[in-house]
Protein backbone atom coordinates (compact mmCIF):
# COMPACT_ATOMS: atom_id res chain seq x y z
CA MET A 1 -1.70 -44.61 4.11
CA LEU A 2 -0.55 -41.21 5.34
CA SER A 3 0.75 -38.44 3.08
CA LYS A 4 2.10 -34.96 3.80
CA ILE A 5 2.17 -31.95 1.45
CA HIS A 6 3.76 -28.55 2.15
CA GLY A 7 1.39 -25.58 1.96
CA SER A 8 1.08 -22.13 3.47
CA ALA A 9 -1.41 -19.83 5.20
CA LEU A 10 -1.50 -16.05 4.99
CA TYR A 11 -1.40 -14.06 8.21
CA GLY A 12 -1.48 -10.36 7.45
CA ILE A 13 1.09 -9.87 4.70
CA GLU A 14 3.24 -12.76 5.90
CA ALA A 15 2.88 -16.46 5.12
CA THR A 16 3.08 -19.27 7.68
CA PRO A 17 4.02 -22.88 6.79
CA VAL A 18 1.13 -25.34 6.78
CA THR A 19 1.37 -29.11 6.42
CA ILE A 20 -1.55 -30.84 4.65
CA GLU A 21 -1.82 -34.32 6.19
CA VAL A 22 -4.05 -36.88 4.46
CA ASN A 23 -4.82 -40.29 5.96
CA ILE A 24 -6.98 -42.95 4.30
CA ASP A 25 -8.46 -45.81 6.34
CA PRO A 26 -11.13 -48.45 5.70
CA GLY A 27 -14.60 -47.04 6.09
CA VAL A 28 -16.62 -44.15 4.69
CA GLY A 29 -16.37 -40.43 5.29
CA TYR A 30 -14.55 -37.21 4.43
CA HIS A 31 -13.28 -35.34 7.46
CA LEU A 32 -11.49 -32.00 7.15
CA VAL A 33 -10.00 -30.53 10.35
CA GLY A 34 -7.58 -27.77 11.28
CA LEU A 35 -9.83 -24.67 11.31
CA PRO A 36 -10.75 -24.55 7.58
CA ASP A 37 -13.20 -21.97 6.28
CA ASN A 38 -16.21 -22.72 4.07
CA ALA A 39 -14.21 -22.43 0.84
CA ILE A 40 -11.85 -25.19 2.03
CA ARG A 41 -14.73 -27.37 3.29
CA GLU A 42 -16.27 -27.26 -0.18
CA SER A 43 -12.98 -28.28 -1.81
CA ASN A 44 -13.92 -31.99 -2.05
CA TYR A 45 -16.52 -31.19 -4.73
CA ARG A 46 -14.01 -29.26 -6.85
CA ILE A 47 -11.32 -31.89 -6.32
CA ALA A 48 -13.65 -34.79 -7.22
CA SER A 49 -14.72 -33.10 -10.46
CA ALA A 50 -11.16 -32.07 -11.42
CA LEU A 51 -9.77 -35.59 -10.80
CA SER A 52 -12.56 -37.26 -12.80
CA GLN A 53 -11.70 -35.11 -15.83
CA ILE A 54 -8.21 -36.64 -16.05
CA GLY A 55 -9.00 -40.22 -15.11
CA TYR A 56 -8.45 -40.18 -11.35
CA ARG A 57 -10.91 -40.41 -8.47
CA ILE A 58 -11.34 -39.85 -4.76
CA PRO A 59 -11.29 -43.31 -3.12
CA GLY A 60 -14.52 -44.42 -1.44
CA LYS A 61 -12.89 -44.81 1.95
CA LYS A 62 -12.55 -42.86 5.18
CA ILE A 63 -10.44 -39.79 4.37
CA THR A 64 -9.13 -37.64 7.21
CA ILE A 65 -7.37 -34.39 6.33
CA ASN A 66 -5.61 -32.22 8.86
CA LEU A 67 -4.28 -28.73 8.16
CA SER A 68 -1.40 -28.39 10.60
CA PRO A 69 -0.94 -26.36 12.81
CA ALA A 70 -4.55 -27.08 13.71
CA ASP A 71 -5.03 -23.92 15.81
CA LEU A 72 -4.25 -21.53 12.93
CA ARG A 73 -7.23 -20.44 10.87
CA LYS A 74 -7.00 -21.21 7.12
CA GLU A 75 -9.05 -19.61 4.41
CA GLY A 76 -9.50 -19.61 0.65
CA ALA A 77 -9.71 -22.13 -2.18
CA CYS A 78 -5.92 -22.10 -2.64
CA TYR A 79 -5.67 -25.46 -0.81
CA ASP A 80 -7.45 -27.36 -3.60
CA LEU A 81 -4.24 -28.41 -5.38
CA PRO A 82 -2.26 -29.67 -2.36
CA LEU A 83 -5.37 -31.47 -1.06
CA ALA A 84 -5.85 -33.22 -4.41
CA LEU A 85 -2.19 -34.30 -4.54
CA GLY A 86 -2.33 -35.45 -0.91
CA ILE A 87 -5.37 -37.63 -1.63
CA LEU A 88 -3.69 -39.16 -4.71
CA LEU A 89 -0.49 -39.80 -2.75
CA ALA A 90 -2.27 -41.36 0.24
CA SER A 91 -4.45 -43.58 -1.98
CA GLY A 92 -1.47 -44.86 -4.00
CA GLN A 93 -2.56 -43.25 -7.28
CA LEU A 94 0.57 -41.06 -7.23
CA SER A 95 4.08 -41.84 -6.15
CA SER A 96 6.86 -39.26 -6.14
CA ASP A 97 10.06 -38.52 -4.25
CA MET A 98 9.90 -34.88 -5.38
CA LEU A 99 6.80 -33.84 -3.44
CA PRO A 100 8.55 -33.22 -0.06
CA ASN A 101 10.82 -30.65 -1.72
CA TYR A 102 8.05 -28.39 -3.02
CA LEU A 103 5.43 -26.08 -1.55
CA ILE A 104 2.20 -26.45 -3.53
CA MET A 105 -0.77 -24.06 -3.67
CA GLY A 106 -3.54 -23.47 -6.20
CA GLU A 107 -7.29 -23.24 -6.74
CA LEU A 108 -8.99 -25.81 -8.97
CA SER A 109 -11.80 -25.32 -11.45
CA LEU A 110 -14.22 -28.16 -12.06
CA ASP A 111 -12.36 -29.05 -15.27
CA GLY A 112 -8.99 -29.15 -13.50
CA GLN A 113 -7.71 -25.74 -14.60
CA LEU A 114 -5.68 -23.79 -12.02
CA GLN A 115 -6.93 -20.36 -10.99
CA PRO A 116 -4.62 -17.63 -9.61
CA ILE A 117 -4.37 -17.23 -5.84
CA LYS A 118 -3.64 -14.41 -3.44
CA GLY A 119 -0.33 -13.88 -1.70
CA ALA A 120 2.01 -15.63 -4.15
CA LEU A 121 5.01 -13.50 -3.13
CA PRO A 122 4.66 -13.99 0.67
CA ILE A 123 4.12 -17.72 0.07
CA ALA A 124 7.26 -17.94 -2.06
CA LEU A 125 9.26 -16.06 0.58
CA ALA A 126 8.01 -18.50 3.24
CA ALA A 127 9.01 -21.48 1.08
CA HIS A 128 12.51 -20.10 0.63
CA LYS A 129 12.83 -19.29 4.33
CA ASN A 130 11.91 -22.88 5.25
CA GLY A 131 14.57 -24.35 2.98
CA LEU A 132 12.32 -25.87 0.32
CA LYS A 133 13.69 -26.47 -3.16
CA GLY A 134 10.80 -24.96 -5.05
CA ILE A 135 7.17 -23.99 -5.29
CA VAL A 136 4.36 -25.03 -7.65
CA LEU A 137 1.70 -22.39 -8.35
CA PRO A 138 -0.85 -21.47 -11.01
CA ARG A 139 0.89 -20.11 -14.09
CA ASP A 140 -0.52 -16.60 -13.58
CA ASN A 141 1.20 -16.36 -10.18
CA ALA A 142 4.61 -17.64 -11.31
CA PRO A 143 6.13 -14.25 -12.40
CA GLU A 144 5.34 -12.74 -9.02
CA ALA A 145 6.83 -15.65 -7.06
CA ALA A 146 9.92 -15.69 -9.32
CA VAL A 147 11.05 -12.46 -7.63
CA VAL A 148 12.44 -14.64 -4.81
CA LYS A 149 16.02 -15.59 -5.67
CA GLY A 150 17.24 -19.10 -4.97
CA LEU A 151 13.78 -20.67 -5.29
CA GLU A 152 12.65 -22.94 -8.14
CA VAL A 153 9.26 -21.57 -9.24
CA ARG A 154 7.08 -23.80 -11.44
CA GLY A 155 3.88 -22.51 -13.02
CA ALA A 156 1.18 -24.93 -14.12
CA ALA A 157 -1.99 -24.46 -16.15
CA ASN A 158 -3.95 -27.44 -14.84
CA LEU A 159 -3.96 -30.34 -12.40
CA GLY A 160 -2.87 -32.86 -15.03
CA GLU A 161 0.38 -30.98 -15.68
CA VAL A 162 1.23 -30.98 -11.96
CA ILE A 163 0.59 -34.73 -11.62
CA GLU A 164 2.70 -35.57 -14.69
CA PHE A 165 5.49 -33.33 -13.39
CA PHE A 166 5.70 -35.16 -10.07
CA LYS A 167 5.53 -38.50 -11.85
CA GLY A 168 8.56 -37.40 -13.87
CA ASN A 169 6.77 -37.70 -17.22
CA THR A 170 6.93 -34.01 -18.14
CA GLU A 171 8.68 -30.80 -17.18
CA LEU A 172 6.88 -27.76 -15.83
CA LYS A 173 8.38 -24.60 -17.26
CA ARG A 174 10.43 -22.82 -14.63
CA ALA A 175 9.51 -19.19 -14.18
CA SER A 176 12.51 -17.04 -14.98
CA LEU A 177 13.81 -14.45 -12.58
CA PRO A 178 12.77 -10.94 -13.63
CA PRO A 179 15.61 -8.68 -14.77
CA THR A 180 17.44 -6.67 -12.15
CA HIS A 181 15.12 -4.26 -10.44
CA SER A 182 14.32 -1.48 -12.85
CA LYS A 183 13.03 1.51 -10.95
CA GLY A 184 9.74 3.09 -11.87
CA THR A 185 9.95 6.17 -14.04
CA GLY A 186 6.68 7.79 -13.04
CA SER A 187 5.75 8.04 -16.72
CA GLY A 188 2.43 6.31 -16.08
CA PHE A 189 1.04 9.47 -14.45
CA PRO A 190 -0.04 12.78 -16.06
CA ASP A 191 2.72 15.35 -16.54
CA PHE A 192 3.07 18.69 -14.75
CA SER A 193 3.95 20.33 -18.07
CA GLU A 194 0.23 20.23 -18.92
CA VAL A 195 -0.64 22.48 -15.97
CA ARG A 196 -1.14 26.16 -16.75
CA GLY A 197 -0.18 28.57 -13.96
CA GLN A 198 -0.36 27.42 -10.31
CA GLU A 199 3.39 27.84 -9.85
CA THR A 200 3.03 28.17 -6.08
CA VAL A 201 1.09 24.92 -5.86
CA LYS A 202 3.61 23.09 -8.04
CA ARG A 203 6.41 24.37 -5.81
CA CYS A 204 4.52 23.14 -2.77
CA MET A 205 4.01 19.70 -4.30
CA GLU A 206 7.71 19.50 -5.10
CA ILE A 207 8.46 20.16 -1.42
CA ALA A 208 5.88 17.58 -0.32
CA ALA A 209 7.34 14.96 -2.67
CA ALA A 210 10.93 15.74 -1.65
CA GLY A 211 10.23 15.22 2.05
CA GLY A 212 7.27 12.80 1.96
CA HIS A 213 5.03 15.39 3.65
CA ASN A 214 1.27 15.20 4.01
CA LEU A 215 -0.56 17.93 2.10
CA ILE A 216 -4.00 19.53 2.01
CA LEU A 217 -5.17 21.79 -0.82
CA ILE A 218 -7.92 24.33 -0.10
CA GLY A 219 -9.58 26.08 -3.00
CA PRO A 220 -12.83 26.67 -4.93
CA PRO A 221 -14.19 24.21 -7.50
CA GLY A 222 -12.29 24.24 -10.77
CA SER A 223 -9.04 25.60 -9.34
CA GLY A 224 -7.17 22.40 -10.25
CA LYS A 225 -6.81 20.60 -6.90
CA THR A 226 -7.64 17.12 -8.18
CA MET A 227 -5.71 17.64 -11.41
CA LEU A 228 -2.57 18.59 -9.48
CA ALA A 229 -2.93 15.73 -7.00
CA ARG A 230 -3.08 13.17 -9.83
CA ARG A 231 0.29 14.39 -11.08
CA LEU A 232 2.05 14.14 -7.72
CA PRO A 233 3.05 10.43 -7.95
CA GLY A 234 4.90 11.23 -11.20
CA ILE A 235 7.49 13.32 -9.33
CA LEU A 236 8.02 10.98 -6.39
CA PRO A 237 11.42 9.25 -6.25
CA PRO A 238 11.62 5.64 -7.48
CA MET A 239 11.06 2.87 -4.98
CA SER A 240 13.98 0.90 -3.61
CA LEU A 241 13.98 -2.87 -4.00
CA GLU A 242 12.89 -3.29 -0.36
CA GLU A 243 9.99 -0.87 -0.85
CA ALA A 244 8.95 -2.62 -4.07
CA LEU A 245 8.94 -6.03 -2.36
CA GLU A 246 6.86 -4.78 0.57
CA THR A 247 4.40 -2.99 -1.73
CA THR A 248 4.04 -6.08 -3.92
CA LYS A 249 3.36 -8.26 -0.86
CA ILE A 250 0.50 -6.02 0.24
CA HIS A 251 -1.11 -5.91 -3.20
CA SER A 252 -0.58 -9.63 -3.66
CA VAL A 253 -2.44 -10.43 -0.45
CA ALA A 254 -5.25 -7.98 -1.28
CA ALA A 255 -5.76 -8.59 -4.98
CA GLY A 256 -3.98 -11.77 -5.96
CA ALA A 257 -2.14 -11.74 -9.26
CA SER A 258 -2.61 -8.12 -10.25
CA PRO A 259 0.48 -6.98 -12.18
CA PRO A 260 3.05 -9.73 -12.86
CA GLY A 261 6.32 -9.43 -11.01
CA LEU A 262 7.34 -6.50 -8.84
CA ILE A 263 5.26 -3.35 -8.50
CA ARG A 264 7.74 -0.65 -9.52
CA GLU A 265 5.51 2.43 -9.62
CA ARG A 266 4.42 4.03 -6.38
CA PRO A 267 0.74 3.32 -5.62
CA TYR A 268 -1.90 6.01 -6.00
CA ARG A 269 -5.20 5.37 -4.21
CA ASN A 270 -8.25 7.61 -4.50
CA PRO A 271 -11.16 6.19 -2.44
CA HIS A 272 -14.66 7.68 -2.68
CA HIS A 273 -15.91 9.76 0.23
CA THR A 274 -18.57 7.12 1.03
CA ILE A 275 -15.86 4.64 2.10
CA SER A 276 -16.28 2.92 5.47
CA GLY A 277 -13.72 2.94 8.24
CA SER A 278 -12.90 -0.78 7.85
CA ALA A 279 -12.41 -0.38 4.09
CA LEU A 280 -10.00 2.49 4.75
CA VAL A 281 -7.86 0.89 7.46
CA GLY A 282 -8.49 -2.78 6.65
CA GLY A 283 -10.14 -5.54 8.66
CA GLY A 284 -13.23 -7.69 8.32
CA SER A 285 -13.92 -11.21 9.59
CA TYR A 286 -11.14 -12.37 7.27
CA PRO A 287 -8.79 -9.37 7.53
CA GLN A 288 -7.68 -7.66 4.35
CA PRO A 289 -5.45 -4.61 3.88
CA GLY A 290 -7.37 -1.34 3.57
CA GLU A 291 -6.78 1.65 1.33
CA ILE A 292 -4.14 3.13 3.63
CA SER A 293 -2.06 -0.07 3.36
CA LEU A 294 -2.62 -0.34 -0.39
CA ALA A 295 -1.21 3.21 -0.58
CA HIS A 296 1.92 2.12 1.34
CA ASN A 297 5.03 3.79 -0.14
CA GLY A 298 2.72 5.86 -2.35
CA VAL A 299 -0.05 8.45 -2.25
CA LEU A 300 -3.49 8.35 -0.62
CA PHE A 301 -5.67 11.07 -2.15
CA LEU A 302 -8.85 12.05 -0.31
CA ASP A 303 -10.89 14.36 -2.52
CA GLU A 304 -13.36 16.69 -0.77
CA LEU A 305 -12.08 15.81 2.70
CA PRO A 306 -15.01 17.29 4.73
CA GLU A 307 -17.43 15.00 2.86
CA PHE A 308 -15.88 11.92 4.46
CA LYS A 309 -17.57 10.70 7.63
CA ARG A 310 -15.99 12.14 10.76
CA HIS A 311 -15.25 8.76 12.35
CA VAL A 312 -13.66 7.56 9.10
CA LEU A 313 -11.24 10.50 9.09
CA GLU A 314 -10.36 10.02 12.75
CA VAL A 315 -9.03 6.50 12.12
CA LEU A 316 -6.26 8.14 10.06
CA ARG A 317 -4.70 9.74 13.10
CA GLN A 318 -2.81 6.71 14.39
CA PRO A 319 -1.46 5.46 11.01
CA LEU A 320 -0.32 8.99 10.10
CA GLU A 321 1.71 9.09 13.30
CA ASP A 322 2.93 5.47 13.56
CA ARG A 323 3.04 4.60 9.82
CA GLN A 324 1.37 1.27 10.50
CA ILE A 325 -2.11 0.10 11.42
CA THR A 326 -2.87 -2.61 13.95
CA ILE A 327 -6.16 -4.48 13.61
CA SER A 328 -7.15 -6.23 16.82
CA ARG A 329 -9.85 -8.85 17.15
CA SER A 330 -10.70 -11.21 19.99
CA ARG A 331 -8.63 -14.07 18.54
CA PHE A 332 -5.88 -12.31 16.59
CA THR A 333 -3.96 -9.11 16.02
CA ILE A 334 -2.58 -8.14 12.61
CA THR A 335 -0.32 -5.22 11.76
CA TYR A 336 -0.25 -3.80 8.23
CA PRO A 337 2.33 -1.22 7.11
CA SER A 338 0.82 2.11 6.09
CA SER A 339 3.59 4.61 5.36
CA PHE A 340 1.90 6.83 2.80
CA MET A 341 1.68 10.45 1.71
CA LEU A 342 -1.74 11.86 2.52
CA VAL A 343 -2.92 14.36 -0.08
CA ALA A 344 -6.32 15.88 0.61
CA SER A 345 -8.42 18.53 -1.09
CA MET A 346 -11.37 20.57 0.09
CA ASN A 347 -13.48 23.57 -0.72
CA PRO A 348 -13.12 26.52 1.66
CA SER A 349 -16.88 26.60 2.29
CA PRO A 350 -20.07 24.61 1.58
CA SER A 351 -20.68 26.67 -1.57
CA GLY A 352 -17.03 26.38 -2.48
CA TYR A 353 -16.47 30.06 -3.27
CA PHE A 354 -15.51 31.59 0.08
CA LYS A 355 -12.97 34.42 -0.35
CA VAL A 356 -13.04 34.14 -4.15
CA PRO A 357 -13.05 37.70 -5.58
CA GLY A 358 -15.92 38.47 -7.92
CA SER A 359 -17.74 35.24 -7.13
CA SER A 360 -21.49 35.13 -6.71
CA GLY A 361 -21.36 32.18 -4.33
CA ASN A 362 -20.24 33.91 -1.16
CA GLY A 363 -23.56 33.57 0.59
CA ASN A 364 -22.48 31.17 3.35
CA LYS A 365 -23.07 32.41 6.90
CA PRO A 366 -20.20 32.33 9.41
CA MET A 367 -21.94 29.57 11.40
CA GLU A 368 -22.17 27.40 8.25
CA MET A 369 -18.52 28.09 7.54
CA HIS A 370 -17.39 26.98 10.98
CA ARG A 371 -19.64 23.92 10.90
CA TYR A 372 -18.14 22.95 7.57
CA MET A 373 -14.55 23.36 8.73
CA ASN A 374 -15.25 21.55 12.01
CA ARG A 375 -15.88 18.36 10.07
CA ILE A 376 -12.10 18.01 10.12
CA SER A 377 -10.67 17.77 13.62
CA GLY A 378 -7.76 19.85 14.81
CA PRO A 379 -5.60 16.82 15.70
CA LEU A 380 -5.97 15.51 12.14
CA LEU A 381 -5.04 18.88 10.64
CA ASP A 382 -2.03 19.02 12.95
CA ARG A 383 -0.79 15.79 11.38
CA ILE A 384 -0.86 17.34 7.91
CA ASP A 385 2.43 19.13 7.32
CA ILE A 386 1.41 21.50 4.54
CA HIS A 387 -1.80 23.55 4.21
CA LEU A 388 -2.04 25.45 0.94
CA GLU A 389 -4.67 27.71 -0.60
CA VAL A 390 -5.26 27.13 -4.31
CA ASN A 391 -6.62 30.13 -6.20
CA PRO A 392 -8.46 30.04 -9.53
CA VAL A 393 -6.21 30.35 -12.58
CA PRO A 394 -6.55 33.68 -14.44
CA PHE A 395 -7.73 33.58 -18.03
CA ASP A 396 -4.41 34.82 -19.41
CA GLU A 397 -2.60 31.85 -17.89
CA ILE A 398 -5.24 29.32 -18.98
CA SER A 399 -5.09 30.53 -22.58
CA SER A 400 -1.30 30.80 -22.64
CA ASN A 401 0.66 28.43 -24.86
CA ARG A 402 3.66 28.53 -22.54
CA GLN A 403 4.75 25.03 -21.59
CA GLY A 404 5.12 24.38 -17.89
CA GLU A 405 8.04 22.58 -16.28
CA SER A 406 7.91 18.83 -16.88
CA SER A 407 7.50 16.20 -14.18
CA ALA A 408 10.87 14.69 -15.17
CA ARG A 409 12.74 17.92 -14.33
CA ILE A 410 10.92 18.34 -11.04
CA ARG A 411 11.60 14.70 -10.23
CA LYS A 412 15.36 15.18 -10.65
CA ARG A 413 15.36 17.82 -7.90
CA VAL A 414 13.16 15.61 -5.69
CA VAL A 415 15.48 12.63 -6.15
CA ALA A 416 18.52 14.79 -5.29
CA ALA A 417 16.82 16.01 -2.08
CA ARG A 418 15.81 12.45 -1.14
CA ALA A 419 19.41 11.30 -1.68
CA LEU A 420 20.55 13.82 0.96
CA GLN A 421 17.92 12.49 3.35
CA LEU A 422 18.86 8.85 2.77
CA LYS A 423 22.47 9.70 3.57
CA ARG A 424 21.38 11.67 6.64
CA PHE A 425 19.24 8.83 8.02
CA GLU A 426 21.38 5.88 6.91
CA THR A 427 21.94 4.85 10.54
CA GLU A 428 18.29 5.37 11.57
CA VAL A 429 15.99 2.34 11.40
CA GLY A 430 12.74 2.91 9.51
CA VAL A 431 13.47 6.57 8.68
CA HIS A 432 13.98 7.44 5.02
CA SER A 433 12.59 10.98 4.66
CA ASN A 434 12.19 14.20 6.63
CA ALA A 435 8.49 13.57 7.21
CA GLN A 436 9.35 10.43 9.22
CA MET A 437 11.51 12.24 11.77
CA GLY A 438 10.49 11.99 15.40
CA PRO A 439 11.09 14.70 18.06
CA GLY A 440 14.60 13.41 18.82
CA LEU A 441 15.67 13.46 15.17
CA ILE A 442 14.13 16.92 14.68
CA ARG A 443 16.28 18.31 17.51
CA ARG A 444 19.35 16.64 16.03
CA TYR A 445 18.92 17.53 12.35
CA CYS A 446 16.94 20.80 12.50
CA PRO A 447 19.02 23.12 14.70
CA LEU A 448 18.21 26.82 14.38
CA LYS A 449 20.46 29.81 14.74
CA THR A 450 19.31 32.98 16.49
CA GLY A 451 17.66 34.64 13.46
CA PRO A 452 15.55 31.68 12.33
CA ARG A 453 14.69 30.84 15.96
CA ASN A 454 13.31 34.35 16.59
CA LEU A 455 11.30 34.19 13.38
CA LEU A 456 9.75 30.89 14.38
CA LYS A 457 9.04 32.17 17.91
CA LYS A 458 7.06 35.12 16.52
CA ALA A 459 5.11 32.82 14.21
CA MET A 460 4.28 30.43 17.05
CA GLU A 461 3.02 33.26 19.25
CA ARG A 462 1.08 35.03 16.52
CA LEU A 463 -0.58 31.92 15.07
CA GLU A 464 -0.99 30.11 18.42
CA LEU A 465 0.48 26.95 16.94
CA SER A 466 0.64 23.61 18.76
CA ALA A 467 3.83 21.71 19.51
CA ARG A 468 2.97 19.29 16.70
CA ALA A 469 2.63 22.21 14.23
CA TYR A 470 6.05 23.42 15.43
CA ASP A 471 7.55 20.07 14.52
CA ARG A 472 5.79 20.14 11.13
CA ILE A 473 7.20 23.54 10.26
CA LEU A 474 10.73 22.41 11.11
CA LYS A 475 10.35 19.28 8.98
CA VAL A 476 9.12 21.25 5.97
CA ALA A 477 11.87 23.85 6.44
CA ARG A 478 14.44 21.02 6.53
CA THR A 479 13.09 19.75 3.19
CA ILE A 480 13.19 23.22 1.62
CA ALA A 481 16.81 23.55 2.74
CA ASP A 482 17.57 20.14 1.19
CA LEU A 483 16.06 21.25 -2.12
CA ASP A 484 18.30 24.33 -1.85
CA GLY A 485 21.31 22.15 -1.09
CA ASN A 486 21.87 23.89 2.26
CA ALA A 487 23.05 22.03 5.33
CA GLU A 488 21.56 24.73 7.61
CA ILE A 489 17.97 25.94 7.87
CA MET A 490 17.92 29.62 6.95
CA GLU A 491 15.28 32.27 7.63
CA ARG A 492 13.96 32.08 4.07
CA HIS A 493 13.42 28.33 4.45
CA LEU A 494 11.47 28.85 7.67
CA ALA A 495 9.45 31.73 6.21
CA GLU A 496 8.35 29.58 3.28
CA ALA A 497 7.48 26.68 5.59
CA ILE A 498 5.40 28.93 7.87
CA GLN A 499 3.29 30.20 4.98
CA TYR A 500 2.26 26.61 4.28
CA ARG A 501 0.13 26.53 7.44
CA SER A 502 -2.94 28.34 6.07
CA LEU A 503 -5.50 26.74 8.37
CA ASP A 504 -3.51 27.74 11.46
CA ARG A 505 -3.67 31.45 10.67
CA GLU A 506 -5.83 33.48 12.99
CA GLY A 507 -8.89 34.88 11.27
CA TRP A 508 -8.63 32.64 8.24
CA LEU A 509 -12.39 32.16 8.32
CA GLY A 510 -12.99 35.88 8.59
């Protein structure tokens, strides 16, 4: 007898329909075809044990299982549940008219318990797209899948519950739709009110957050670079529903059932400097999203940037420009979204105390200084909109009891500036902030009058800036004008933007 069960396979962050076909004939054997990986090939042992715990068995006949389409590679133990139901249906141990209406996925333990799987949200979206009535998943995955409206999501704790549900003997609790999308408040991150001094840096971070600009902080150890970077996500604007769905899909594919339901807070990723290139951009024999995709719609913080391997840093160039990363292998090509804010920090010298007045650590030779700075390529620095020097905080400011401005107040100004940008780019596809403007949009939305144009011309000539740096300055100036509520870019906006190009200044290294 032949049975068919609806399943799904993950391809990047999208899910593709898969049909699990089970045929049982006289004879002996267990044949699994359709490009399964080792985890799927081992499924018969888990299925046999799980069925025996509840009084069922795998028939001692010739069992042929096909995962259709047969030319699409499948991976993971998430096929255990549909395979078990397919075997029961084909062997006559289960009969149900409901099975064709549901997509079924889940990993089985030896005692029949269902373990959470990866990619519940993309799988649920695929089920809804293909017109299925509902989806049956492990209970831990149900809140995430319930985000999809118009889909009946059933969460089960074990194999027995699923079988009794399809027999009509019991009812699997339907996962309720989460409340209307409540936007993240940013309260889960440290507050800027705890920061003493560093008003210039806080202003710079407000600009970066308002326009989605990449940022690098240069300063000696203990000046507060890492502390300030950790507070940046708390002033970013809340994610839209579309951004939350896309972010949740990425994290679902990478980590399975991490937080239930939608991810509402913007991601903050802080990889160690020993990270490999494939871990940063994603990939592997079974491709997974890397850190730059996990930081999608959020912040990627690279602490001590020159300590990262040179080839690892160079892989950032394309995603910073295109806001997506394409992983190509001989048999497939996968594209992951990677629209993130890059925030980096570094010491100005190997000792860390270059140009720090009164410091005893200024013993680095010019050759050592240049070697240290050359660990970061010019093209990568060009793709970072804002370069800012962070100076040590004076004792009077450290010991002061004066409360700094809170993240909530800064966030209000950032949200207001982002609202202007959303209105500005409402007809532009894929553009939501000033940092995402291309050359054409820069010419359209960043026109300069004579005074600002002359100022920028002098800066370009004096600092010997590249065309990409020119674009960066205009983008930052546009954001500063938005924070000011000005439709035009004034000289003061340009002057402030130009001073945020520290590493472009001639003679910065002495």
